[in-house]
Amino acid sequence: MEKQKSKSNRRIRYDNAFKQGAICMIVDQHMPIKEVSKELGVSTDSLRTWLKNAGLDPNSANKNNSHAVIIK
């Protein structure tokens, strides 16, 4: 997993493998979004966006989503 900082601004860009790993921590390992956020240093809003983009419901990610979709 890799995160890159853009030189032109301070926004961090995360690669798809990093995002997929974060989604797996939430869905497969049943970790709360807040805990994953702290562990990876990523905002909860970013994690919720990644879940939505993967076709998962961020509000029930730990309960009903059994498989994360690969982010393209």
C-alpha atoms as a PDB file:
ATOM      1  CA  MET A   1       0.000   0.000   0.000  1.00  0.00           C
ATOM      2  CA  GLU A   2       1.333   3.368  -0.908  1.00  0.00           C
ATOM      3  CA  LYS A   3       0.383   6.959  -0.376  1.00  0.00           C
ATOM      4  CA  GLN A   4       1.890   9.793  -2.375  1.00  0.00           C
ATOM      5  CA  LYS A   5       2.051  13.482  -1.637  1.00  0.00           C
ATOM      6  CA  SER A   6       1.603  15.798  -4.589  1.00  0.00           C
ATOM      7  CA  LYS A   7       4.240  18.515  -4.914  1.00  0.00           C
ATOM      8  CA  SER A   8       1.792  21.168  -6.132  1.00  0.00           C
ATOM      9  CA  ASN A   9      -0.476  20.849  -3.109  1.00  0.00           C
ATOM     10  CA  ARG A  10      -0.526  19.022   0.187  1.00  0.00           C
ATOM     11  CA  ARG A  11      -3.285  16.593  -0.720  1.00  0.00           C
ATOM     12  CA  ILE A  12      -2.290  12.960  -0.281  1.00  0.00           C
ATOM     13  CA  ARG A  13      -3.223  10.530  -3.065  1.00  0.00           C
ATOM     14  CA  TYR A  14      -3.669   6.899  -2.091  1.00  0.00           C
ATOM     15  CA  ASP A  15      -3.189   4.113  -4.619  1.00  0.00           C
ATOM     16  CA  ASN A  16      -5.890   1.524  -5.238  1.00  0.00           C
ATOM     17  CA  ALA A  17      -4.062  -1.202  -3.308  1.00  0.00           C
ATOM     18  CA  PHE A  18      -4.017   1.025  -0.210  1.00  0.00           C
ATOM     19  CA  LYS A  19      -7.737   1.770  -0.589  1.00  0.00           C
ATOM     20  CA  GLN A  20      -8.568  -1.893  -1.122  1.00  0.00           C
ATOM     21  CA  GLY A  21      -6.571  -2.852   1.948  1.00  0.00           C
ATOM     22  CA  ALA A  22      -8.466  -0.304   4.033  1.00  0.00           C
ATOM     23  CA  ILE A  23     -11.798  -1.608   2.722  1.00  0.00           C
ATOM     24  CA  CYS A  24     -10.781  -5.179   3.578  1.00  0.00           C
ATOM     25  CA  MET A  25      -9.900  -4.125   7.130  1.00  0.00           C
ATOM     26  CA  ILE A  26     -13.432  -2.747   7.529  1.00  0.00           C
ATOM     27  CA  VAL A  27     -15.384  -5.448   5.703  1.00  0.00           C
ATOM     28  CA  ASP A  28     -13.384  -8.660   6.118  1.00  0.00           C
ATOM     29  CA  GLN A  29     -11.737  -8.009   9.482  1.00  0.00           C
ATOM     30  CA  HIS A  30     -14.838  -6.242  10.880  1.00  0.00           C
ATOM     31  CA  MET A  31     -12.844  -3.276  12.156  1.00  0.00           C
ATOM     32  CA  PRO A  32     -14.775  -0.060  12.853  1.00  0.00           C
ATOM     33  CA  ILE A  33     -14.201   2.748  10.358  1.00  0.00           C
ATOM     34  CA  LYS A  34     -12.955   4.993  13.157  1.00  0.00           C
ATOM     35  CA  GLU A  35     -10.332   2.429  14.211  1.00  0.00           C
ATOM     36  CA  VAL A  36      -9.102   1.921  10.628  1.00  0.00           C
ATOM     37  CA  SER A  37      -8.950   5.697  10.241  1.00  0.00           C
ATOM     38  CA  LYS A  38      -6.668   6.044  13.261  1.00  0.00           C
ATOM     39  CA  GLU A  39      -4.501   3.064  12.326  1.00  0.00           C
ATOM     40  CA  LEU A  40      -3.907   4.181   8.729  1.00  0.00           C
ATOM     41  CA  GLY A  41      -3.940   7.941   9.281  1.00  0.00           C
ATOM     42  CA  VAL A  42      -6.824   8.421   6.844  1.00  0.00           C
ATOM     43  CA  SER A  43      -9.941  10.479   7.508  1.00  0.00           C
ATOM     44  CA  THR A  44     -13.206   8.678   8.173  1.00  0.00           C
ATOM     45  CA  ASP A  45     -14.721  10.669   5.300  1.00  0.00           C
ATOM     46  CA  SER A  46     -12.142   9.238   2.887  1.00  0.00           C
ATOM     47  CA  LEU A  47     -12.858   5.704   4.083  1.00  0.00           C
ATOM     48  CA  ARG A  48     -16.607   6.226   3.655  1.00  0.00           C
ATOM     49  CA  THR A  49     -16.039   7.571   0.139  1.00  0.00           C
ATOM     50  CA  TRP A  50     -13.885   4.557  -0.774  1.00  0.00           C
ATOM     51  CA  LEU A  51     -16.594   2.216   0.521  1.00  0.00           C
ATOM     52  CA  LYS A  52     -19.246   4.037  -1.535  1.00  0.00           C
ATOM     53  CA  ASN A  53     -17.042   3.904  -4.636  1.00  0.00           C
ATOM     54  CA  ALA A  54     -16.675   0.150  -4.092  1.00  0.00           C
ATOM     55  CA  GLY A  55     -20.458  -0.188  -4.077  1.00  0.00           C
ATOM     56  CA  LEU A  56     -20.701  -0.761  -0.334  1.00  0.00           C
ATOM     57  CA  ASP A  57     -22.838   0.986   2.261  1.00  0.00           C
ATOM     58  CA  PRO A  58     -20.528   2.795   4.712  1.00  0.00           C
ATOM     59  CA  ASN A  59     -23.263   2.823   7.358  1.00  0.00           C
ATOM     60  CA  SER A  60     -23.430  -0.958   7.447  1.00  0.00           C
ATOM     61  CA  ALA A  61     -19.949  -1.851   6.192  1.00  0.00           C
ATOM     62  CA  ASN A  62     -19.125  -3.895   9.267  1.00  0.00           C
ATOM     63  CA  LYS A  63     -22.467  -5.698   9.290  1.00  0.00           C
ATOM     64  CA  ASN A  64     -23.906  -6.541   5.872  1.00  0.00           C
ATOM     65  CA  ASN A  65     -21.172  -6.182   3.260  1.00  0.00           C
ATOM     66  CA  SER A  66     -19.410  -9.476   2.889  1.00  0.00           C
ATOM     67  CA  HIS A  67     -17.270  -8.754  -0.161  1.00  0.00           C
ATOM     68  CA  ALA A  68     -15.476  -5.589  -1.161  1.00  0.00           C
ATOM     69  CA  VAL A  69     -15.412  -4.721  -4.827  1.00  0.00           C
ATOM     70  CA  ILE A  70     -12.008  -4.078  -6.356  1.00  0.00           C
ATOM     71  CA  ILE A  71     -11.572  -0.350  -6.923  1.00  0.00           C
ATOM     72  CA  LYS A  72     -10.666   0.581 -10.464  1.00  0.00           C
END
